[in-house]
């Protein structure tokens, strides 16, 4: 299952967003935003405040998920070492 080369920047953005881990991360962030917005409604906040709390929760969740994933990638990359030395240029 490969993707044909080309397609432009928008094509690759859609391909990245359609990946399962990205979809799960976005759905998690939406769920967190919705939970916080419902909490704000239960506290009788104004509609603008409810939207602000829900949106802020979504953004914070996306940022935290991105940080968590990047931390895991950095740990993995730190443990990878080349099996063969790179030949010296000259």
N, C-alpha and C. Protein backbone atom coordinates (compact mmCIF):
# COMPACT_ATOMS: atom_id res chain seq x y z
N UNK A 1 0.84 -1.17 0.00
CA UNK A 1 0.00 0.00 0.00
C UNK A 1 0.88 1.23 0.00
N UNK A 2 1.04 1.79 -1.15
CA UNK A 2 1.85 2.99 -1.26
C UNK A 2 1.03 4.15 -1.77
N UNK A 3 1.60 5.30 -1.67
CA UNK A 3 0.95 6.51 -2.16
C UNK A 3 1.77 7.00 -3.34
N UNK A 4 1.10 7.30 -4.41
CA UNK A 4 1.79 7.77 -5.60
C UNK A 4 2.48 9.10 -5.31
N UNK A 5 3.68 9.32 -5.85
CA UNK A 5 4.36 10.59 -5.63
C UNK A 5 3.59 11.73 -6.28
N UNK A 6 3.84 12.91 -5.78
CA UNK A 6 3.15 14.09 -6.30
C UNK A 6 1.92 14.39 -5.48
N UNK A 7 1.03 15.15 -6.03
CA UNK A 7 -0.22 15.45 -5.36
C UNK A 7 -0.23 16.78 -4.63
N UNK A 8 0.92 17.37 -4.43
CA UNK A 8 0.97 18.68 -3.79
C UNK A 8 0.94 18.61 -2.27
N UNK A 9 1.11 19.77 -1.66
CA UNK A 9 1.18 19.87 -0.21
C UNK A 9 -0.14 19.49 0.46
N UNK A 10 -1.26 19.91 -0.11
CA UNK A 10 -2.57 19.60 0.49
C UNK A 10 -2.82 18.10 0.51
N UNK A 11 -2.39 17.41 -0.53
CA UNK A 11 -2.57 15.96 -0.60
C UNK A 11 -1.85 15.28 0.56
N UNK A 12 -0.60 15.69 0.81
CA UNK A 12 0.17 15.07 1.88
C UNK A 12 -0.37 15.44 3.25
N UNK A 13 -0.92 16.64 3.40
CA UNK A 13 -1.55 17.02 4.66
C UNK A 13 -2.76 16.14 4.94
N UNK A 14 -3.56 15.88 3.91
CA UNK A 14 -4.73 15.01 4.08
C UNK A 14 -4.29 13.59 4.40
N UNK A 15 -3.23 13.11 3.76
CA UNK A 15 -2.73 11.77 4.05
C UNK A 15 -2.28 11.64 5.51
N UNK A 16 -1.60 12.69 6.02
CA UNK A 16 -1.14 12.66 7.40
C UNK A 16 -2.34 12.68 8.37
N UNK A 17 -3.31 13.54 8.09
CA UNK A 17 -4.46 13.65 8.97
C UNK A 17 -5.33 12.40 8.95
N UNK A 18 -5.28 11.64 7.86
CA UNK A 18 -6.09 10.44 7.75
C UNK A 18 -5.45 9.25 8.44
N UNK A 19 -4.22 9.38 8.89
CA UNK A 19 -3.55 8.28 9.59
C UNK A 19 -4.24 7.97 10.90
N UNK A 20 -4.31 6.71 11.25
CA UNK A 20 -5.03 6.27 12.45
C UNK A 20 -4.56 6.96 13.73
N UNK A 21 -3.25 7.07 14.00
CA UNK A 21 -2.85 7.73 15.24
C UNK A 21 -3.30 9.19 15.31
N UNK A 22 -3.28 9.88 14.17
CA UNK A 22 -3.72 11.27 14.16
C UNK A 22 -5.21 11.36 14.41
N UNK A 23 -5.98 10.48 13.81
CA UNK A 23 -7.43 10.49 14.02
C UNK A 23 -7.75 10.23 15.49
N UNK A 24 -7.08 9.27 16.09
CA UNK A 24 -7.31 8.96 17.51
C UNK A 24 -6.94 10.15 18.38
N UNK A 25 -5.81 10.80 18.09
CA UNK A 25 -5.39 11.96 18.88
C UNK A 25 -6.39 13.10 18.77
N UNK A 26 -6.89 13.36 17.58
CA UNK A 26 -7.87 14.44 17.39
C UNK A 26 -9.18 14.09 18.11
N UNK A 27 -9.63 12.85 18.01
CA UNK A 27 -10.85 12.45 18.71
C UNK A 27 -10.69 12.56 20.22
N UNK A 28 -9.52 12.19 20.74
CA UNK A 28 -9.26 12.36 22.17
C UNK A 28 -9.35 13.83 22.57
N UNK A 29 -8.76 14.70 21.77
CA UNK A 29 -8.78 16.13 22.07
C UNK A 29 -10.20 16.68 22.00
N UNK A 30 -10.98 16.24 21.03
CA UNK A 30 -12.38 16.67 20.93
C UNK A 30 -13.15 16.22 22.17
N UNK A 31 -12.92 14.99 22.60
CA UNK A 31 -13.60 14.48 23.79
C UNK A 31 -13.23 15.29 25.03
N UNK A 32 -11.97 15.63 25.19
CA UNK A 32 -11.55 16.44 26.34
C UNK A 32 -12.20 17.82 26.28
N UNK A 33 -12.21 18.43 25.10
CA UNK A 33 -12.87 19.73 24.95
C UNK A 33 -14.35 19.65 25.27
N UNK A 34 -15.02 18.59 24.82
CA UNK A 34 -16.45 18.43 25.10
C UNK A 34 -16.71 18.23 26.59
N UNK A 35 -15.88 17.43 27.24
CA UNK A 35 -16.05 17.20 28.68
C UNK A 35 -15.89 18.51 29.45
N UNK A 36 -14.87 19.29 29.09
CA UNK A 36 -14.67 20.57 29.78
C UNK A 36 -15.81 21.54 29.49
N UNK A 37 -16.31 21.55 28.26
CA UNK A 37 -17.44 22.43 27.93
C UNK A 37 -18.69 22.02 28.70
N UNK A 38 -18.95 20.74 28.81
CA UNK A 38 -20.10 20.27 29.59
C UNK A 38 -19.95 20.66 31.05
N UNK A 39 -18.73 20.56 31.56
CA UNK A 39 -18.47 21.00 32.94
C UNK A 39 -18.75 22.47 33.12
N UNK A 40 -18.37 23.27 32.12
CA UNK A 40 -18.65 24.71 32.20
C UNK A 40 -20.15 24.99 32.14
N UNK A 41 -20.88 24.22 31.34
CA UNK A 41 -22.35 24.38 31.29
C UNK A 41 -22.96 24.04 32.64
N UNK A 42 -22.47 22.96 33.25
CA UNK A 42 -22.99 22.56 34.57
C UNK A 42 -22.71 23.61 35.64
N UNK A 43 -21.64 24.39 35.45
CA UNK A 43 -21.31 25.46 36.39
C UNK A 43 -22.02 26.77 36.03
N UNK A 44 -22.93 26.68 35.06
CA UNK A 44 -23.74 27.81 34.62
C UNK A 44 -22.91 28.97 34.04
N UNK A 45 -21.91 28.62 33.27
CA UNK A 45 -21.08 29.63 32.60
C UNK A 45 -21.83 30.17 31.39
N UNK A 46 -21.43 31.35 30.94
CA UNK A 46 -22.05 31.94 29.76
C UNK A 46 -21.67 31.13 28.52
N UNK A 47 -22.47 31.23 27.45
CA UNK A 47 -22.15 30.47 26.23
C UNK A 47 -20.75 30.77 25.67
N UNK A 48 -20.34 32.03 25.75
CA UNK A 48 -19.00 32.38 25.25
C UNK A 48 -17.93 31.68 26.09
N UNK A 49 -18.14 31.64 27.39
CA UNK A 49 -17.18 30.97 28.27
C UNK A 49 -17.14 29.48 28.00
N UNK A 50 -18.30 28.89 27.76
CA UNK A 50 -18.37 27.46 27.45
C UNK A 50 -17.56 27.16 26.19
N UNK A 51 -17.74 27.97 25.15
CA UNK A 51 -16.98 27.77 23.92
C UNK A 51 -15.48 27.97 24.14
N UNK A 52 -15.14 28.98 24.92
CA UNK A 52 -13.73 29.24 25.20
C UNK A 52 -13.09 28.10 25.98
N UNK A 53 -13.78 27.60 26.98
CA UNK A 53 -13.26 26.49 27.79
C UNK A 53 -13.10 25.23 26.93
N UNK A 54 -14.11 24.92 26.13
CA UNK A 54 -14.03 23.74 25.26
C UNK A 54 -12.92 23.86 24.24
N UNK A 55 -12.80 25.02 23.61
CA UNK A 55 -11.74 25.23 22.63
C UNK A 55 -10.35 25.19 23.24
N UNK A 56 -10.22 25.80 24.41
CA UNK A 56 -8.93 25.78 25.10
C UNK A 56 -8.56 24.36 25.51
N UNK A 57 -9.54 23.60 25.97
CA UNK A 57 -9.27 22.20 26.33
C UNK A 57 -8.81 21.40 25.14
N UNK A 58 -9.43 21.63 23.99
CA UNK A 58 -9.02 20.95 22.76
C UNK A 58 -7.58 21.28 22.40
N UNK A 59 -7.26 22.57 22.40
CA UNK A 59 -5.91 23.00 22.01
C UNK A 59 -4.86 22.46 22.98
N UNK A 60 -5.14 22.55 24.28
CA UNK A 60 -4.19 22.04 25.27
C UNK A 60 -3.99 20.54 25.10
N UNK A 61 -5.07 19.81 24.83
CA UNK A 61 -4.96 18.36 24.64
C UNK A 61 -4.11 18.03 23.42
N UNK A 62 -4.30 18.75 22.32
CA UNK A 62 -3.49 18.51 21.12
C UNK A 62 -2.02 18.79 21.40
N UNK A 63 -1.74 19.89 22.09
CA UNK A 63 -0.35 20.23 22.40
C UNK A 63 0.28 19.17 23.30
N UNK A 64 -0.44 18.74 24.32
CA UNK A 64 0.10 17.73 25.23
C UNK A 64 0.31 16.38 24.54
N UNK A 65 -0.63 16.00 23.66
CA UNK A 65 -0.47 14.75 22.93
C UNK A 65 0.73 14.83 22.00
N UNK A 66 0.92 15.95 21.35
CA UNK A 66 2.07 16.14 20.45
C UNK A 66 3.38 16.06 21.24
N UNK A 67 3.41 16.69 22.41
CA UNK A 67 4.60 16.65 23.26
C UNK A 67 4.90 15.21 23.69
N UNK A 68 3.87 14.48 24.09
CA UNK A 68 4.04 13.11 24.56
C UNK A 68 4.59 12.21 23.44
N UNK A 69 4.04 12.35 22.26
CA UNK A 69 4.50 11.54 21.12
C UNK A 69 5.93 11.90 20.75
N UNK A 70 6.24 13.20 20.72
CA UNK A 70 7.59 13.62 20.37
C UNK A 70 8.61 13.12 21.39
N UNK A 71 8.23 13.08 22.65
CA UNK A 71 9.11 12.56 23.69
C UNK A 71 9.43 11.09 23.44
N UNK A 72 8.43 10.31 23.06
CA UNK A 72 8.64 8.90 22.74
C UNK A 72 9.52 8.72 21.52
N UNK A 73 9.32 9.55 20.51
CA UNK A 73 10.14 9.47 19.30
C UNK A 73 11.59 9.81 19.63
N UNK A 74 11.79 10.84 20.45
CA UNK A 74 13.16 11.23 20.83
C UNK A 74 13.86 10.12 21.60
N UNK A 75 13.13 9.45 22.50
CA UNK A 75 13.71 8.33 23.25
C UNK A 75 14.13 7.21 22.30
N UNK A 76 13.26 6.90 21.35
CA UNK A 76 13.56 5.85 20.39
C UNK A 76 14.77 6.20 19.54
N UNK A 77 14.82 7.43 19.05
CA UNK A 77 15.94 7.84 18.20
C UNK A 77 17.26 7.86 18.96
N UNK A 78 17.21 8.18 20.25
CA UNK A 78 18.44 8.20 21.04
C UNK A 78 19.02 6.80 21.19
N UNK A 79 18.17 5.79 21.13
CA UNK A 79 18.64 4.41 21.29
C UNK A 79 19.09 3.76 20.00
N UNK A 80 18.90 4.42 18.88
CA UNK A 80 19.30 3.85 17.59
C UNK A 80 20.74 4.24 17.28
N UNK A 81 21.52 3.26 16.89
CA UNK A 81 22.92 3.51 16.53
C UNK A 81 23.20 2.82 15.20
N UNK A 82 24.00 3.46 14.35
CA UNK A 82 24.31 2.83 13.06
C UNK A 82 25.09 1.53 13.26
N UNK A 83 24.80 0.56 12.41
CA UNK A 83 25.50 -0.72 12.49
C UNK A 83 26.84 -0.67 11.77
N UNK A 84 26.96 0.21 10.80
CA UNK A 84 28.19 0.32 10.05
C UNK A 84 28.67 1.77 10.13
N UNK A 85 29.97 1.97 10.26
CA UNK A 85 30.45 3.36 10.31
C UNK A 85 30.30 4.03 8.95
N UNK A 86 30.06 5.31 8.99
CA UNK A 86 29.96 6.09 7.77
C UNK A 86 31.36 6.29 7.21
N UNK A 87 31.57 6.02 5.92
CA UNK A 87 32.91 6.23 5.36
C UNK A 87 33.30 7.70 5.42
N UNK A 88 34.56 7.94 5.68
CA UNK A 88 35.04 9.32 5.75
C UNK A 88 35.14 9.89 4.35
N UNK A 89 34.80 11.17 4.24
CA UNK A 89 34.88 11.85 2.94
C UNK A 89 36.32 12.26 2.69
N UNK A 90 36.71 12.16 1.45
CA UNK A 90 38.06 12.63 1.17
C UNK A 90 38.71 11.99 0.04
